[in-house]
Amino acid sequence: MSSPKRNNYHLGDQVDSGTFAFTAAESGDYTTCFWANKHKPPVKMTIEFDWKSGVAAKDWSKVAKKGQVETMEIELKKLYDTVSAIHEEMFYLRERDEEMQELNKETNSKMFSLLLCLSVAGLQIWHLKSFFESKKLL
């Protein structure tokens, strides 16, 4: 087997049967050649060739046995529950943040009103004191 840039990926001499897999590192057409040396007496040969690519080429039976799949399924359910809890917590925190921002606005408004009232009260006391001093009542 050779790549489009003529790199050899597999070469088998005097092989009766076997399997071969590779991951394409180059894009383009790959070349596969089969040959049989001269046989005396001549023989008829059969070559079964099954070319798979992509997901179909993956041997899923070796990836995970049934017990491993069940374990993985349980782990995925745990992860899903964790993600759901984080998602709900995120919405709760957003709601709390909005409430805190509203409380902050209200507090600022009330503090401004309180400061204005205290300022006016101070000015009234100063005015009354100066008024009573001018009338010699204090």
N, C-alpha and C. Protein backbone atom coordinates (compact mmCIF):
# COMPACT_ATOMS: atom_id res chain seq x y z
N MET A 1 0.86 -1.16 0.00
CA MET A 1 0.00 0.00 0.00
C MET A 1 0.90 1.21 0.00
N SER A 2 0.60 2.16 -0.87
CA SER A 2 1.38 3.39 -0.93
C SER A 2 0.44 4.59 -1.00
N SER A 3 0.94 5.72 -0.51
CA SER A 3 0.15 6.94 -0.44
C SER A 3 0.30 7.72 -1.74
N PRO A 4 -0.44 8.81 -1.86
CA PRO A 4 -0.32 9.64 -3.07
C PRO A 4 1.09 10.21 -3.26
N LYS A 5 1.83 10.36 -2.16
CA LYS A 5 3.20 10.87 -2.25
C LYS A 5 4.23 9.73 -2.29
N ARG A 6 3.75 8.54 -2.58
CA ARG A 6 4.57 7.33 -2.74
C ARG A 6 5.25 6.87 -1.44
N ASN A 7 4.63 7.16 -0.30
CA ASN A 7 5.11 6.62 0.97
C ASN A 7 4.49 5.26 1.16
N ASN A 8 5.30 4.26 1.52
CA ASN A 8 4.79 2.90 1.73
C ASN A 8 4.23 2.78 3.14
N TYR A 9 3.01 2.25 3.23
CA TYR A 9 2.37 2.04 4.53
C TYR A 9 2.37 0.57 4.93
N HIS A 10 2.37 -0.31 3.94
CA HIS A 10 2.33 -1.74 4.28
C HIS A 10 2.93 -2.53 3.13
N LEU A 11 3.78 -3.49 3.50
CA LEU A 11 4.35 -4.38 2.50
C LEU A 11 4.42 -5.75 3.14
N GLY A 12 3.79 -6.72 2.51
CA GLY A 12 3.81 -8.08 3.05
C GLY A 12 4.35 -9.04 2.02
N ASP A 13 5.38 -9.80 2.37
CA ASP A 13 5.96 -10.81 1.47
C ASP A 13 5.59 -12.19 1.97
N GLN A 14 5.20 -13.06 1.07
CA GLN A 14 4.88 -14.45 1.35
C GLN A 14 3.85 -14.56 2.49
N VAL A 15 2.75 -13.85 2.30
CA VAL A 15 1.67 -13.84 3.29
C VAL A 15 0.48 -14.57 2.69
N ASP A 16 -0.05 -15.55 3.44
CA ASP A 16 -1.22 -16.29 2.96
C ASP A 16 -2.53 -15.57 3.24
N SER A 17 -2.63 -14.90 4.41
CA SER A 17 -3.84 -14.17 4.76
C SER A 17 -3.49 -13.15 5.82
N GLY A 18 -4.41 -12.23 6.09
CA GLY A 18 -4.16 -11.23 7.13
C GLY A 18 -5.04 -10.02 6.96
N THR A 19 -4.92 -9.12 7.92
CA THR A 19 -5.67 -7.87 7.87
C THR A 19 -4.69 -6.72 8.06
N PHE A 20 -5.09 -5.58 7.59
CA PHE A 20 -4.24 -4.41 7.69
C PHE A 20 -5.12 -3.18 7.84
N ALA A 21 -4.74 -2.27 8.71
CA ALA A 21 -5.49 -1.02 8.91
C ALA A 21 -4.50 0.12 9.05
N PHE A 22 -4.90 1.30 8.61
CA PHE A 22 -4.05 2.47 8.75
C PHE A 22 -4.92 3.72 8.78
N THR A 23 -4.33 4.80 9.26
CA THR A 23 -5.00 6.10 9.25
C THR A 23 -4.32 6.95 8.20
N ALA A 24 -5.10 7.45 7.27
CA ALA A 24 -4.54 8.22 6.16
C ALA A 24 -3.95 9.52 6.66
N ALA A 25 -2.68 9.72 6.37
CA ALA A 25 -2.00 10.94 6.77
C ALA A 25 -1.98 11.95 5.63
N GLU A 26 -2.26 11.49 4.43
CA GLU A 26 -2.23 12.35 3.26
C GLU A 26 -3.55 12.23 2.53
N SER A 27 -3.98 13.31 1.93
CA SER A 27 -5.21 13.24 1.14
C SER A 27 -4.87 12.83 -0.28
N GLY A 28 -5.78 12.12 -0.89
CA GLY A 28 -5.56 11.68 -2.27
C GLY A 28 -5.86 10.21 -2.44
N ASP A 29 -5.45 9.66 -3.58
CA ASP A 29 -5.70 8.26 -3.90
C ASP A 29 -4.57 7.38 -3.40
N TYR A 30 -4.93 6.31 -2.69
CA TYR A 30 -3.96 5.33 -2.22
C TYR A 30 -3.95 4.16 -3.19
N THR A 31 -2.79 3.56 -3.35
CA THR A 31 -2.63 2.45 -4.29
C THR A 31 -2.35 1.17 -3.53
N THR A 32 -3.06 0.12 -3.92
CA THR A 32 -2.85 -1.19 -3.32
C THR A 32 -2.57 -2.17 -4.45
N CYS A 33 -1.50 -2.95 -4.32
CA CYS A 33 -1.13 -3.91 -5.35
C CYS A 33 -1.04 -5.31 -4.74
N PHE A 34 -1.50 -6.29 -5.51
CA PHE A 34 -1.38 -7.69 -5.12
C PHE A 34 -0.66 -8.40 -6.25
N TRP A 35 0.24 -9.29 -5.90
CA TRP A 35 0.87 -10.09 -6.94
C TRP A 35 1.17 -11.46 -6.41
N ALA A 36 1.25 -12.37 -7.33
CA ALA A 36 1.58 -13.76 -6.98
C ALA A 36 2.77 -14.17 -7.83
N ASN A 37 3.75 -14.71 -7.17
CA ASN A 37 4.92 -15.19 -7.92
C ASN A 37 4.51 -16.36 -8.80
N LYS A 38 5.34 -16.67 -9.69
CA LYS A 38 5.06 -17.77 -10.62
C LYS A 38 4.85 -19.05 -9.84
N HIS A 39 3.73 -19.71 -10.10
CA HIS A 39 3.42 -20.97 -9.46
C HIS A 39 3.47 -22.08 -10.52
N LYS A 40 4.10 -23.17 -10.16
CA LYS A 40 4.12 -24.33 -11.05
C LYS A 40 3.56 -25.50 -10.27
N PRO A 41 2.52 -26.06 -10.65
CA PRO A 41 1.63 -25.73 -11.76
C PRO A 41 0.86 -24.46 -11.46
N PRO A 42 0.32 -23.77 -12.46
CA PRO A 42 -0.44 -22.54 -12.26
C PRO A 42 -1.63 -22.79 -11.34
N VAL A 43 -1.90 -21.85 -10.46
CA VAL A 43 -3.02 -21.96 -9.52
C VAL A 43 -3.97 -20.78 -9.71
N LYS A 44 -5.20 -21.03 -9.34
CA LYS A 44 -6.20 -19.97 -9.39
C LYS A 44 -6.27 -19.35 -7.99
N MET A 45 -6.18 -18.03 -7.90
CA MET A 45 -6.16 -17.35 -6.59
C MET A 45 -7.40 -16.47 -6.45
N THR A 46 -7.89 -16.39 -5.23
CA THR A 46 -9.02 -15.52 -4.92
C THR A 46 -8.56 -14.51 -3.88
N ILE A 47 -8.86 -13.26 -4.15
CA ILE A 47 -8.52 -12.20 -3.19
C ILE A 47 -9.81 -11.54 -2.77
N GLU A 48 -10.08 -11.57 -1.47
CA GLU A 48 -11.24 -10.87 -0.92
C GLU A 48 -10.73 -9.56 -0.35
N PHE A 49 -11.29 -8.51 -0.85
CA PHE A 49 -10.80 -7.19 -0.49
C PHE A 49 -11.98 -6.38 0.06
N ASP A 50 -11.89 -5.94 1.32
CA ASP A 50 -12.95 -5.17 1.97
C ASP A 50 -12.34 -3.84 2.42
N TRP A 51 -12.64 -2.79 1.70
CA TRP A 51 -12.07 -1.48 1.96
C TRP A 51 -13.10 -0.65 2.71
N LYS A 52 -12.77 -0.26 3.94
CA LYS A 52 -13.69 0.55 4.75
C LYS A 52 -13.01 1.85 5.11
N SER A 53 -13.82 2.88 5.26
CA SER A 53 -13.26 4.17 5.68
C SER A 53 -14.22 4.83 6.66
N GLY A 54 -13.70 5.76 7.42
CA GLY A 54 -14.51 6.51 8.37
C GLY A 54 -14.95 5.66 9.56
N VAL A 55 -16.18 5.88 10.01
CA VAL A 55 -16.72 5.20 11.18
C VAL A 55 -16.85 3.70 10.93
N ALA A 56 -17.15 3.32 9.69
CA ALA A 56 -17.32 1.90 9.36
C ALA A 56 -16.02 1.13 9.53
N ALA A 57 -14.89 1.81 9.44
CA ALA A 57 -13.60 1.13 9.54
C ALA A 57 -13.22 0.83 10.99
N LYS A 58 -13.85 1.48 11.93
CA LYS A 58 -13.52 1.30 13.34
C LYS A 58 -14.06 -0.03 13.84
N ASP A 59 -13.23 -0.78 14.55
CA ASP A 59 -13.67 -2.06 15.12
C ASP A 59 -14.24 -1.80 16.51
N TRP A 60 -15.54 -1.56 16.57
CA TRP A 60 -16.18 -1.16 17.82
C TRP A 60 -16.22 -2.29 18.84
N SER A 61 -16.12 -3.52 18.41
CA SER A 61 -16.14 -4.63 19.37
C SER A 61 -14.91 -4.58 20.27
N LYS A 62 -13.82 -4.06 19.77
CA LYS A 62 -12.60 -3.95 20.58
C LYS A 62 -12.60 -2.69 21.42
N VAL A 63 -13.41 -1.70 21.04
CA VAL A 63 -13.42 -0.45 21.78
C VAL A 63 -14.06 -0.63 23.15
N ALA A 64 -15.19 -1.28 23.19
CA ALA A 64 -15.87 -1.44 24.48
C ALA A 64 -16.66 -2.74 24.51
N LYS A 65 -16.43 -3.51 25.53
CA LYS A 65 -17.23 -4.71 25.76
C LYS A 65 -18.54 -4.29 26.39
N LYS A 66 -19.50 -5.20 26.50
CA LYS A 66 -20.82 -4.86 27.02
C LYS A 66 -20.75 -4.31 28.44
N GLY A 67 -19.96 -4.91 29.29
CA GLY A 67 -19.83 -4.42 30.66
C GLY A 67 -19.25 -3.02 30.71
N GLN A 68 -18.31 -2.73 29.82
CA GLN A 68 -17.72 -1.40 29.76
C GLN A 68 -18.74 -0.38 29.27
N VAL A 69 -19.58 -0.79 28.34
CA VAL A 69 -20.60 0.12 27.83
C VAL A 69 -21.57 0.48 28.94
N GLU A 70 -21.97 -0.50 29.75
CA GLU A 70 -22.88 -0.22 30.87
C GLU A 70 -22.22 0.72 31.87
N THR A 71 -20.94 0.49 32.13
CA THR A 71 -20.20 1.38 33.05
C THR A 71 -20.13 2.79 32.46
N MET A 72 -19.84 2.85 31.17
CA MET A 72 -19.79 4.15 30.52
C MET A 72 -21.15 4.83 30.53
N GLU A 73 -22.22 4.05 30.38
CA GLU A 73 -23.56 4.60 30.41
C GLU A 73 -23.87 5.21 31.78
N ILE A 74 -23.48 4.52 32.83
CA ILE A 74 -23.68 5.02 34.19
C ILE A 74 -22.88 6.31 34.40
N GLU A 75 -21.63 6.31 33.92
CA GLU A 75 -20.80 7.51 34.05
C GLU A 75 -21.41 8.67 33.28
N LEU A 76 -21.95 8.39 32.09
CA LEU A 76 -22.58 9.45 31.30
C LEU A 76 -23.82 10.00 32.01
N LYS A 77 -24.59 9.11 32.66
CA LYS A 77 -25.75 9.57 33.42
C LYS A 77 -25.32 10.46 34.58
N LYS A 78 -24.23 10.06 35.26
CA LYS A 78 -23.71 10.89 36.35
C LYS A 78 -23.29 12.25 35.82
N LEU A 79 -22.57 12.25 34.70
CA LEU A 79 -22.12 13.51 34.11
C LEU A 79 -23.31 14.37 33.69
N TYR A 80 -24.34 13.74 33.13
CA TYR A 80 -25.54 14.47 32.72
C TYR A 80 -26.21 15.11 33.93
N ASP A 81 -26.32 14.35 35.03
CA ASP A 81 -26.92 14.90 36.25
C ASP A 81 -26.09 16.06 36.78
N THR A 82 -24.77 15.92 36.73
CA THR A 82 -23.89 16.99 37.19
C THR A 82 -24.06 18.24 36.33
N VAL A 83 -24.11 18.06 35.03
CA VAL A 83 -24.29 19.19 34.12
C VAL A 83 -25.65 19.84 34.35
N SER A 84 -26.69 19.03 34.56
CA SER A 84 -28.02 19.58 34.83
C SER A 84 -28.03 20.39 36.12
N ALA A 85 -27.36 19.88 37.15
CA ALA A 85 -27.29 20.62 38.43
C ALA A 85 -26.54 21.93 38.25
N ILE A 86 -25.45 21.91 37.50
CA ILE A 86 -24.68 23.13 37.25
C ILE A 86 -25.53 24.12 36.47
N HIS A 87 -26.29 23.63 35.50
CA HIS A 87 -27.15 24.48 34.69
C HIS A 87 -28.21 25.15 35.55
N GLU A 88 -28.85 24.37 36.43
CA GLU A 88 -29.86 24.93 37.33
C GLU A 88 -29.24 25.94 38.29
N GLU A 89 -28.06 25.61 38.80
CA GLU A 89 -27.35 26.52 39.71
C GLU A 89 -27.01 27.83 38.99
N MET A 90 -26.65 27.73 37.73
CA MET A 90 -26.33 28.92 36.95
C MET A 90 -27.55 29.83 36.81
N PHE A 91 -28.73 29.24 36.53
CA PHE A 91 -29.95 30.04 36.45
C PHE A 91 -30.30 30.66 37.80
N TYR A 92 -30.11 29.89 38.89
CA TYR A 92 -30.37 30.41 40.22
C TYR A 92 -29.45 31.60 40.52
N LEU A 93 -28.16 31.45 40.18
CA LEU A 93 -27.21 32.53 40.44
C LEU A 93 -27.53 33.77 39.59
N ARG A 94 -27.97 33.56 38.36
CA ARG A 94 -28.38 34.70 37.52
C ARG A 94 -29.55 35.45 38.16
N GLU A 95 -30.52 34.68 38.65
CA GLU A 95 -31.69 35.28 39.29
C GLU A 95 -31.27 36.06 40.54
N ARG A 96 -30.39 35.44 41.33
CA ARG A 96 -29.90 36.11 42.55
C ARG A 96 -29.12 37.37 42.19
N ASP A 97 -28.34 37.33 41.12
CA ASP A 97 -27.57 38.49 40.69
C ASP A 97 -28.51 39.62 40.30
N GLU A 98 -29.58 39.31 39.57
CA GLU A 98 -30.56 40.34 39.20
C GLU A 98 -31.22 40.93 40.44
N GLU A 99 -31.54 40.08 41.42
CA GLU A 99 -32.14 40.57 42.66
C GLU A 99 -31.16 41.49 43.39
N MET A 100 -29.89 41.11 43.43
CA MET A 100 -28.88 41.92 44.12
C MET A 100 -28.68 43.26 43.41
N GLN A 101 -28.71 43.25 42.09
CA GLN A 101 -28.57 44.51 41.35
C GLN A 101 -29.75 45.43 41.63
N GLU A 102 -30.95 44.87 41.67
CA GLU A 102 -32.15 45.66 41.98
C GLU A 102 -32.06 46.23 43.40
N LEU A 103 -31.63 45.39 44.36
CA LEU A 103 -31.46 45.85 45.74
C LEU A 103 -30.41 46.96 45.82
N ASN A 104 -29.34 46.82 45.06
CA ASN A 104 -28.29 47.83 45.04
C ASN A 104 -28.83 49.16 44.51
N LYS A 105 -29.64 49.12 43.45
CA LYS A 105 -30.24 50.35 42.91
C LYS A 105 -31.16 51.00 43.92
N GLU A 106 -31.98 50.18 44.58
CA GLU A 106 -32.90 50.71 45.59
C GLU A 106 -32.13 51.32 46.75
N THR A 107 -31.07 50.65 47.19
CA THR A 107 -30.26 51.15 48.31
C THR A 107 -29.61 52.48 47.93
N ASN A 108 -29.08 52.56 46.74
CA ASN A 108 -28.45 53.81 46.30
C ASN A 108 -29.47 54.94 46.28
N SER A 109 -30.67 54.64 45.79
CA SER A 109 -31.73 55.65 45.75
C SER A 109 -32.10 56.11 47.17
N LYS A 110 -32.23 55.16 48.07
CA LYS A 110 -32.60 55.49 49.45
C LYS A 110 -31.47 56.25 50.15
N MET A 111 -30.23 55.89 49.88
CA MET A 111 -29.10 56.60 50.49
C MET A 111 -29.05 58.05 50.00
N PHE A 112 -29.31 58.25 48.72
CA PHE A 112 -29.34 59.61 48.18
C PHE A 112 -30.44 60.42 48.86
N SER A 113 -31.63 59.80 49.02
CA SER A 113 -32.74 60.49 49.68
C SER A 113 -32.39 60.82 51.12
N LEU A 114 -31.77 59.87 51.83
CA LEU A 114 -31.38 60.10 53.22
C LEU A 114 -30.36 61.22 53.32
N LEU A 115 -29.38 61.22 52.44
CA LEU A 115 -28.35 62.26 52.44
C LEU A 115 -28.97 63.63 52.16
N LEU A 116 -29.91 63.68 51.22
CA LEU A 116 -30.59 64.94 50.90
C LEU A 116 -31.40 65.45 52.11
N CYS A 117 -32.12 64.51 52.77
CA CYS A 117 -32.91 64.89 53.96
C CYS A 117 -32.02 65.40 55.08
N LEU A 118 -30.89 64.74 55.33
CA LEU A 118 -29.97 65.18 56.39
C LEU A 118 -29.36 66.53 56.05
N SER A 119 -29.08 66.74 54.78
CA SER A 119 -28.52 68.04 54.36
C SER A 119 -29.53 69.16 54.59
N VAL A 120 -30.76 68.92 54.19
CA VAL A 120 -31.82 69.92 54.39
C VAL A 120 -32.04 70.16 55.88
N ALA A 121 -32.03 69.10 56.69
CA ALA A 121 -32.21 69.25 58.15
C ALA A 121 -31.05 70.06 58.73
N GLY A 122 -29.85 69.82 58.28
CA GLY A 122 -28.69 70.59 58.76
C GLY A 122 -28.81 72.05 58.38
N LEU A 123 -29.23 72.32 57.14
CA LEU A 123 -29.42 73.71 56.72
C LEU A 123 -30.53 74.39 57.53
N GLN A 124 -31.61 73.65 57.83
CA GLN A 124 -32.69 74.22 58.64
C GLN A 124 -32.20 74.55 60.05
N ILE A 125 -31.45 73.66 60.65
CA ILE A 125 -30.92 73.91 62.01
C ILE A 125 -29.99 75.13 61.99
N TRP A 126 -29.11 75.20 60.98
CA TRP A 126 -28.19 76.35 60.89
C TRP A 126 -28.97 77.66 60.72
N HIS A 127 -30.01 77.61 59.84
CA HIS A 127 -30.83 78.80 59.61
C HIS A 127 -31.58 79.21 60.88
N LEU A 128 -32.21 78.24 61.57
CA LEU A 128 -32.94 78.56 62.80
C LEU A 128 -32.00 79.10 63.87
N LYS A 129 -30.82 78.52 63.99
CA LYS A 129 -29.86 78.98 65.00
C LYS A 129 -29.44 80.42 64.71
N SER A 130 -29.12 80.69 63.43
CA SER A 130 -28.71 82.07 63.10
C SER A 130 -29.89 83.04 63.25
N PHE A 131 -31.12 82.59 62.98
CA PHE A 131 -32.31 83.43 63.14
C PHE A 131 -32.52 83.80 64.61
N PHE A 132 -32.44 82.75 65.49
CA PHE A 132 -32.66 82.99 66.93
C PHE A 132 -31.53 83.81 67.52
N GLU A 133 -30.29 83.66 67.02
CA GLU A 133 -29.19 84.47 67.52
C GLU A 133 -29.36 85.94 67.13
N SER A 134 -29.88 86.15 65.90
CA SER A 134 -30.08 87.54 65.47
C SER A 134 -31.21 88.23 66.27
N LYS A 135 -32.16 87.47 66.75
CA LYS A 135 -33.26 88.01 67.55
C LYS A 135 -32.93 88.00 69.03
N LYS A 136 -31.78 87.58 69.37
CA LYS A 136 -31.25 87.53 70.73
C LYS A 136 -32.10 86.61 71.59
N LEU A 137 -32.64 85.53 71.00
CA LEU A 137 -33.41 84.58 71.78
C LEU A 137 -32.53 83.42 72.26
N LEU A 138 -31.41 83.30 71.74
CA LEU A 138 -30.46 82.25 72.17
C LEU A 138 -29.23 82.80 72.76
